[in-house]
Amino acid sequence: MLSGDALPAVVFDLSHRTRLGFTGADRLRYLNGQLTQDLKKLSPERALPACVTTAKGRMQADVWVSVLGETIVVDAVAELQEVLAGRLERYIVADDVVLEDLTGKSGLLHCVGVSPAEHPVLKDFMCTRSTRLGMEGWDVLVPLERLADVKLALGGLLADAKDWEVARVALGVPTWGAELGEDTLPPEAGLERTHIDYHKGCYIGQEVISRLKSVGHVNRTLCRFRGEGSVAPQAGNSFFKEKAGSPQAAGTLTSVVADAECFFALGYLKRGHESEKFVTEQGIELTRIL
């Protein structure tokens, strides 16, 4: 799976993710004032990525938003369940909006290279297009009582959590707790290309994020790296420009996945240290994937 630009046909089980449902006449208007994405573009056919930010533009969550009948569903990593629910409920005052925690009430499968509509096991379930791994895929919602049987029937198509980690790092997809956290500005992680609509109305944090766009740069940028050989660096390692004796670290690795022949890594590169070749503090060579 360490190709770095593609995946085989595969299905991931994302049922562990936090899922929050929003109903009520004001649900769309309310959530549009909380998230960086323009939810007026939302449809039952396609899920959209978005960020939840503070008034200072710092991240509180990266989420996916989808439509389920009269409900707008916001999903995020499992560890954000309590924080995200509290944050998205905080500003509901006079709005006709009801938040329901849907976590664990249904199965969520993500398919890449597998069309659910054409698959004998998945064709009867509701599916929504999404690009969770940066490429076209589908989210499939499976009733909880059928999830175990569906996963068993998928056989070799079904991947595990380790496979997901390998895929997301090799494909350059940041995640909460590694590349993303409460000190992250969305443009630092490249999320302005996918998670932010700069033409929508006001939302919490918009002023700061718009100012960053007008400035034209951030102080660090998330980059993807590749290395050869059986020895891989560790997340948290600093890296330097390949020039010997470079005194100042160019950045820090955040995630690394490896096999016997190569490794892929994600890391933040400081502004002003741009290059193609780097070396870690242990002398392991990195090539930046542009």
Protein backbone atom coordinates (compact mmCIF):
# COMPACT_ATOMS: atom_id res chain seq x y z
CA MET A 1 0.00 0.00 0.00
CA LEU A 2 3.05 2.31 0.19
CA SER A 3 2.71 3.61 -3.37
CA GLY A 4 2.37 7.22 -2.30
CA ASP A 5 -0.12 8.20 -4.99
CA ALA A 6 -2.76 5.48 -5.31
CA LEU A 7 -4.57 2.74 -3.43
CA PRO A 8 -5.82 -0.72 -4.36
CA ALA A 9 -9.54 -1.40 -4.08
CA VAL A 10 -10.12 -1.21 -0.34
CA VAL A 11 -12.78 -0.59 2.33
CA PHE A 12 -12.04 1.05 5.68
CA ASP A 13 -14.24 0.81 8.78
CA LEU A 14 -14.69 4.32 10.22
CA SER A 15 -17.57 3.42 12.54
CA HIS A 16 -15.55 4.58 15.57
CA ARG A 17 -15.69 8.23 14.47
CA THR A 18 -17.67 10.82 16.43
CA ARG A 19 -20.94 11.56 14.61
CA LEU A 20 -23.18 14.49 15.59
CA GLY A 21 -26.58 15.07 14.01
CA PHE A 22 -28.25 18.49 13.66
CA THR A 23 -31.97 18.90 13.00
CA GLY A 24 -34.36 21.86 13.07
CA ALA A 25 -35.31 24.61 10.65
CA ASP A 26 -32.14 26.64 11.34
CA ARG A 27 -29.64 23.77 11.13
CA LEU A 28 -28.04 24.85 7.84
CA ARG A 29 -27.80 28.53 8.69
CA TYR A 30 -26.47 27.77 12.16
CA LEU A 31 -23.76 25.33 11.06
CA ASN A 32 -22.74 27.65 8.24
CA GLY A 33 -21.85 30.16 10.94
CA GLN A 34 -19.69 27.60 12.77
CA LEU A 35 -17.73 25.88 9.98
CA THR A 36 -15.23 27.10 7.39
CA GLN A 37 -16.98 25.36 4.49
CA ASP A 38 -19.99 26.75 2.60
CA LEU A 39 -22.65 24.22 3.53
CA LYS A 40 -25.03 25.62 0.93
CA LYS A 41 -23.01 23.42 -1.43
CA LEU A 42 -23.88 20.36 0.62
CA SER A 43 -26.01 17.66 -1.02
CA PRO A 44 -27.12 14.09 -0.20
CA GLU A 45 -24.76 12.91 -2.96
CA ARG A 46 -21.50 14.39 -1.61
CA ALA A 47 -19.95 15.00 1.82
CA LEU A 48 -17.81 18.10 2.38
CA PRO A 49 -14.72 18.62 4.58
CA ALA A 50 -14.57 21.60 6.93
CA CYS A 51 -12.79 23.03 9.97
CA VAL A 52 -14.13 24.22 13.29
CA THR A 53 -11.99 27.14 14.47
CA THR A 54 -11.65 29.55 17.37
CA ALA A 55 -12.11 33.30 17.05
CA LYS A 56 -8.33 33.45 16.57
CA GLY A 57 -8.50 31.08 13.60
CA ARG A 58 -6.93 28.12 15.41
CA MET A 59 -8.34 24.67 14.83
CA GLN A 60 -10.73 22.93 17.19
CA ALA A 61 -11.58 20.09 14.80
CA ASP A 62 -11.40 18.94 11.21
CA VAL A 63 -14.71 17.39 10.20
CA TRP A 64 -16.72 15.87 7.39
CA VAL A 65 -20.29 17.05 6.84
CA SER A 66 -23.03 15.01 5.17
CA VAL A 67 -26.81 14.97 4.77
CA LEU A 68 -28.98 12.17 6.12
CA GLY A 69 -32.63 12.96 5.33
CA GLU A 70 -33.52 16.05 7.40
CA THR A 71 -30.34 15.74 9.45
CA ILE A 72 -26.95 17.33 8.83
CA VAL A 73 -24.26 15.02 10.21
CA VAL A 74 -20.83 16.25 11.32
CA ASP A 75 -18.20 13.57 11.94
CA ALA A 76 -14.69 13.78 13.41
CA VAL A 77 -12.08 11.60 15.11
CA ALA A 78 -13.33 9.70 18.15
CA GLU A 79 -11.26 11.62 20.69
CA LEU A 80 -13.06 14.88 19.86
CA GLN A 81 -16.53 13.61 20.76
CA GLU A 82 -17.05 15.61 23.95
CA VAL A 83 -15.11 18.72 22.87
CA LEU A 84 -16.77 18.96 19.47
CA ALA A 85 -20.29 18.44 20.83
CA GLY A 86 -19.73 21.15 23.42
CA ARG A 87 -18.25 23.57 20.89
CA LEU A 88 -21.02 23.13 18.31
CA GLU A 89 -23.77 23.34 20.91
CA ARG A 90 -22.39 26.40 22.68
CA TYR A 91 -23.80 28.99 20.31
CA ILE A 92 -27.28 27.48 19.95
CA VAL A 93 -29.36 30.10 21.75
CA ALA A 94 -32.53 31.19 19.96
CA ASP A 95 -31.92 28.96 16.93
CA ASP A 96 -34.27 26.14 15.96
CA VAL A 97 -31.49 23.55 16.13
CA VAL A 98 -31.28 20.26 18.00
CA LEU A 99 -27.99 18.37 18.41
CA GLU A 100 -28.06 14.59 18.80
CA ASP A 101 -25.04 12.40 19.41
CA LEU A 102 -25.19 9.68 16.75
CA THR A 103 -21.83 8.14 17.62
CA GLY A 104 -21.91 4.35 17.50
CA LYS A 105 -25.51 4.20 16.24
CA SER A 106 -24.60 3.00 12.74
CA GLY A 107 -21.64 1.66 10.82
CA LEU A 108 -19.60 3.92 8.54
CA LEU A 109 -17.47 2.36 5.81
CA HIS A 110 -15.24 4.30 3.41
CA CYS A 111 -14.58 2.73 0.00
CA VAL A 112 -11.78 3.57 -2.43
CA GLY A 113 -11.66 1.87 -5.83
CA VAL A 114 -14.91 0.08 -4.98
CA SER A 115 -18.23 1.45 -6.25
CA PRO A 116 -20.83 0.56 -3.60
CA ALA A 117 -23.63 0.71 -6.16
CA GLU A 118 -21.96 -2.10 -8.11
CA HIS A 119 -20.82 -4.23 -5.17
CA PRO A 120 -23.09 -7.13 -4.16
CA VAL A 121 -22.49 -6.58 -0.43
CA LEU A 122 -22.79 -2.78 -0.38
CA LYS A 123 -25.29 -1.91 -3.10
CA ASP A 124 -28.36 -1.84 -0.83
CA PHE A 125 -26.98 0.77 1.58
CA MET A 126 -26.97 4.55 1.45
CA CYS A 127 -23.72 5.93 0.03
CA THR A 128 -22.25 9.42 -0.32
CA ARG A 129 -19.22 10.53 -2.32
CA SER A 130 -16.30 11.84 -0.31
CA THR A 131 -12.55 12.40 -0.63
CA ARG A 132 -11.38 11.47 2.87
CA LEU A 133 -8.02 10.27 1.54
CA GLY A 134 -7.63 12.99 -1.05
CA MET A 135 -9.08 10.84 -3.84
CA GLU A 136 -12.58 9.97 -4.94
CA GLY A 137 -14.30 7.55 -2.61
CA TRP A 138 -17.64 6.69 -1.05
CA ASP A 139 -19.00 6.69 2.49
CA VAL A 140 -21.44 3.83 3.11
CA LEU A 141 -23.83 3.93 6.06
CA VAL A 142 -24.62 0.46 7.38
CA PRO A 143 -27.21 -0.35 10.08
CA LEU A 144 -25.34 -1.36 13.22
CA GLU A 145 -27.05 -4.75 13.46
CA ARG A 146 -25.75 -5.66 9.99
CA LEU A 147 -22.23 -4.25 10.28
CA ALA A 148 -20.48 -7.40 11.48
CA ASP A 149 -21.98 -9.52 8.68
CA VAL A 150 -21.15 -6.91 6.03
CA LYS A 151 -17.53 -6.67 7.18
CA LEU A 152 -17.22 -10.46 7.15
CA ALA A 153 -18.65 -10.62 3.63
CA LEU A 154 -16.17 -8.00 2.37
CA GLY A 155 -13.33 -10.41 3.07
CA GLY A 156 -9.96 -9.25 1.74
CA LEU A 157 -11.32 -5.84 0.72
CA LEU A 158 -11.61 -4.82 4.36
CA ALA A 159 -8.58 -2.97 5.74
CA ASP A 160 -7.65 -2.22 9.34
CA ALA A 161 -6.60 0.87 11.32
CA LYS A 162 -2.93 0.33 10.46
CA ASP A 163 -3.78 0.26 6.75
CA TRP A 164 -5.66 3.55 7.14
CA GLU A 165 -2.65 5.16 8.82
CA VAL A 166 -0.34 3.96 6.06
CA ALA A 167 -2.70 5.24 3.38
CA ARG A 168 -3.29 8.67 4.86
CA VAL A 169 0.40 9.38 5.48
CA ALA A 170 1.50 8.08 2.07
CA LEU A 171 -1.20 10.21 0.44
CA GLY A 172 -0.47 13.30 2.54
CA VAL A 173 -3.69 13.54 4.58
CA PRO A 174 -3.29 15.22 8.01
CA THR A 175 -5.11 13.97 11.09
CA TRP A 176 -5.97 15.31 14.52
CA GLY A 177 -3.38 14.60 17.18
CA ALA A 178 -0.50 14.32 14.70
CA GLU A 179 -0.53 17.11 12.10
CA LEU A 180 -3.56 18.94 13.49
CA GLY A 181 -4.17 20.34 16.96
CA GLU A 182 -5.34 23.37 18.88
CA ASP A 183 -2.26 25.37 17.82
CA THR A 184 -2.77 24.69 14.10
CA LEU A 185 -3.91 27.32 11.61
CA PRO A 186 -5.78 25.53 8.78
CA PRO A 187 -3.63 27.01 5.96
CA GLU A 188 -0.50 25.60 7.63
CA ALA A 189 -1.84 22.10 6.97
CA GLY A 190 -2.92 22.90 3.41
CA LEU A 191 -6.60 22.78 4.37
CA GLU A 192 -7.39 26.03 2.56
CA ARG A 193 -7.52 23.96 -0.65
CA THR A 194 -10.20 21.58 0.60
CA HIS A 195 -11.81 22.70 3.86
CA ILE A 196 -12.25 26.47 3.49
CA ASP A 197 -14.58 28.55 1.32
CA TYR A 198 -13.27 32.12 1.19
CA HIS A 199 -16.44 33.46 -0.46
CA LYS A 200 -19.05 32.35 2.09
CA GLY A 201 -20.61 34.43 4.85
CA CYS A 202 -19.26 34.98 8.35
CA TYR A 203 -18.18 32.18 10.66
CA ILE A 204 -16.16 32.07 13.86
CA GLY A 205 -12.51 32.64 12.96
CA GLN A 206 -13.17 33.97 9.46
CA GLU A 207 -11.44 37.31 9.99
CA VAL A 208 -8.12 35.72 10.93
CA ILE A 209 -8.24 33.08 8.19
CA SER A 210 -9.09 35.67 5.54
CA ARG A 211 -6.22 37.83 6.76
CA LEU A 212 -3.82 34.90 6.37
CA LYS A 213 -4.95 34.52 2.76
CA SER A 214 -4.32 38.19 2.06
CA VAL A 215 -0.84 37.99 3.64
CA GLY A 216 -0.07 35.10 1.30
CA HIS A 217 1.97 32.88 3.60
CA VAL A 218 2.18 31.12 6.94
CA ASN A 219 5.27 30.44 9.03
CA ARG A 220 5.23 26.70 8.45
CA THR A 221 3.74 24.36 5.84
CA LEU A 222 2.81 20.70 6.04
CA CYS A 223 4.83 18.68 3.51
CA ARG A 224 5.03 15.08 2.36
CA PHE A 225 8.37 13.24 2.27
CA ARG A 226 9.72 9.95 0.99
CA GLY A 227 12.83 8.01 1.93
CA GLU A 228 14.49 4.81 0.76
CA GLY A 229 15.81 1.87 2.74
CA SER A 230 14.83 -0.18 5.74
CA VAL A 231 15.69 2.46 8.37
CA ALA A 232 13.01 5.09 8.91
CA PRO A 233 12.98 8.17 11.15
CA GLN A 234 10.48 8.65 13.98
CA ALA A 235 7.67 11.14 14.37
CA GLY A 236 9.02 14.08 16.33
CA ASN A 237 12.45 13.97 14.68
CA SER A 238 13.83 17.25 13.39
CA PHE A 239 15.14 17.50 9.85
CA PHE A 240 17.65 19.82 8.21
CA LYS A 241 18.61 20.96 4.75
CA GLU A 242 20.85 18.37 3.19
CA LYS A 243 23.83 20.75 3.26
CA ALA A 244 26.20 19.41 5.93
CA GLY A 245 26.51 21.40 9.11
CA SER A 246 23.23 23.28 8.72
CA PRO A 247 22.76 24.66 12.24
CA GLN A 248 19.02 25.30 12.26
CA ALA A 249 16.29 22.69 11.94
CA ALA A 250 14.15 23.15 8.84
CA GLY A 251 11.20 21.38 10.40
CA THR A 252 9.78 18.47 12.37
CA LEU A 253 8.23 15.17 11.28
CA THR A 254 4.73 14.46 12.55
CA SER A 255 3.92 11.00 11.12
CA VAL A 256 5.98 8.19 9.55
CA VAL A 257 4.95 4.89 7.93
CA ALA A 258 7.42 2.36 6.56
CA ASP A 259 7.97 -1.05 5.04
CA ALA A 260 11.14 -2.96 4.22
CA GLU A 261 12.05 -0.83 1.21
CA CYS A 262 10.89 2.75 1.79
CA PHE A 263 9.01 5.10 4.07
CA PHE A 264 6.67 8.07 3.79
CA ALA A 265 6.43 10.90 6.27
CA LEU A 266 4.53 14.09 6.95
CA GLY A 267 6.12 17.06 8.64
CA TYR A 268 6.01 20.82 9.03
CA LEU A 269 8.61 22.76 7.04
CA LYS A 270 9.50 26.23 8.31
CA ARG A 271 9.15 29.17 5.95
CA GLY A 272 12.49 30.14 4.43
CA HIS A 273 13.89 26.61 4.54
CA GLU A 274 12.36 25.35 1.28
CA SER A 275 14.36 22.66 -0.48
CA GLU A 276 13.91 19.27 -2.14
CA LYS A 277 16.39 17.26 -0.09
CA PHE A 278 16.65 17.05 3.70
CA VAL A 279 18.35 14.90 6.31
CA THR A 280 17.12 14.00 9.78
CA GLU A 281 19.13 14.41 12.97
CA GLN A 282 20.01 10.70 12.66
CA GLY A 283 21.35 11.19 9.12
CA ILE A 284 18.37 9.66 7.29
CA GLU A 285 17.74 11.27 3.92
CA LEU A 286 14.32 12.70 3.01
CA THR A 287 13.02 13.81 -0.37
CA ARG A 288 10.19 16.28 -0.40
CA ILE A 289 7.26 15.21 -2.61
CA LEU A 290 6.03 18.28 -4.48
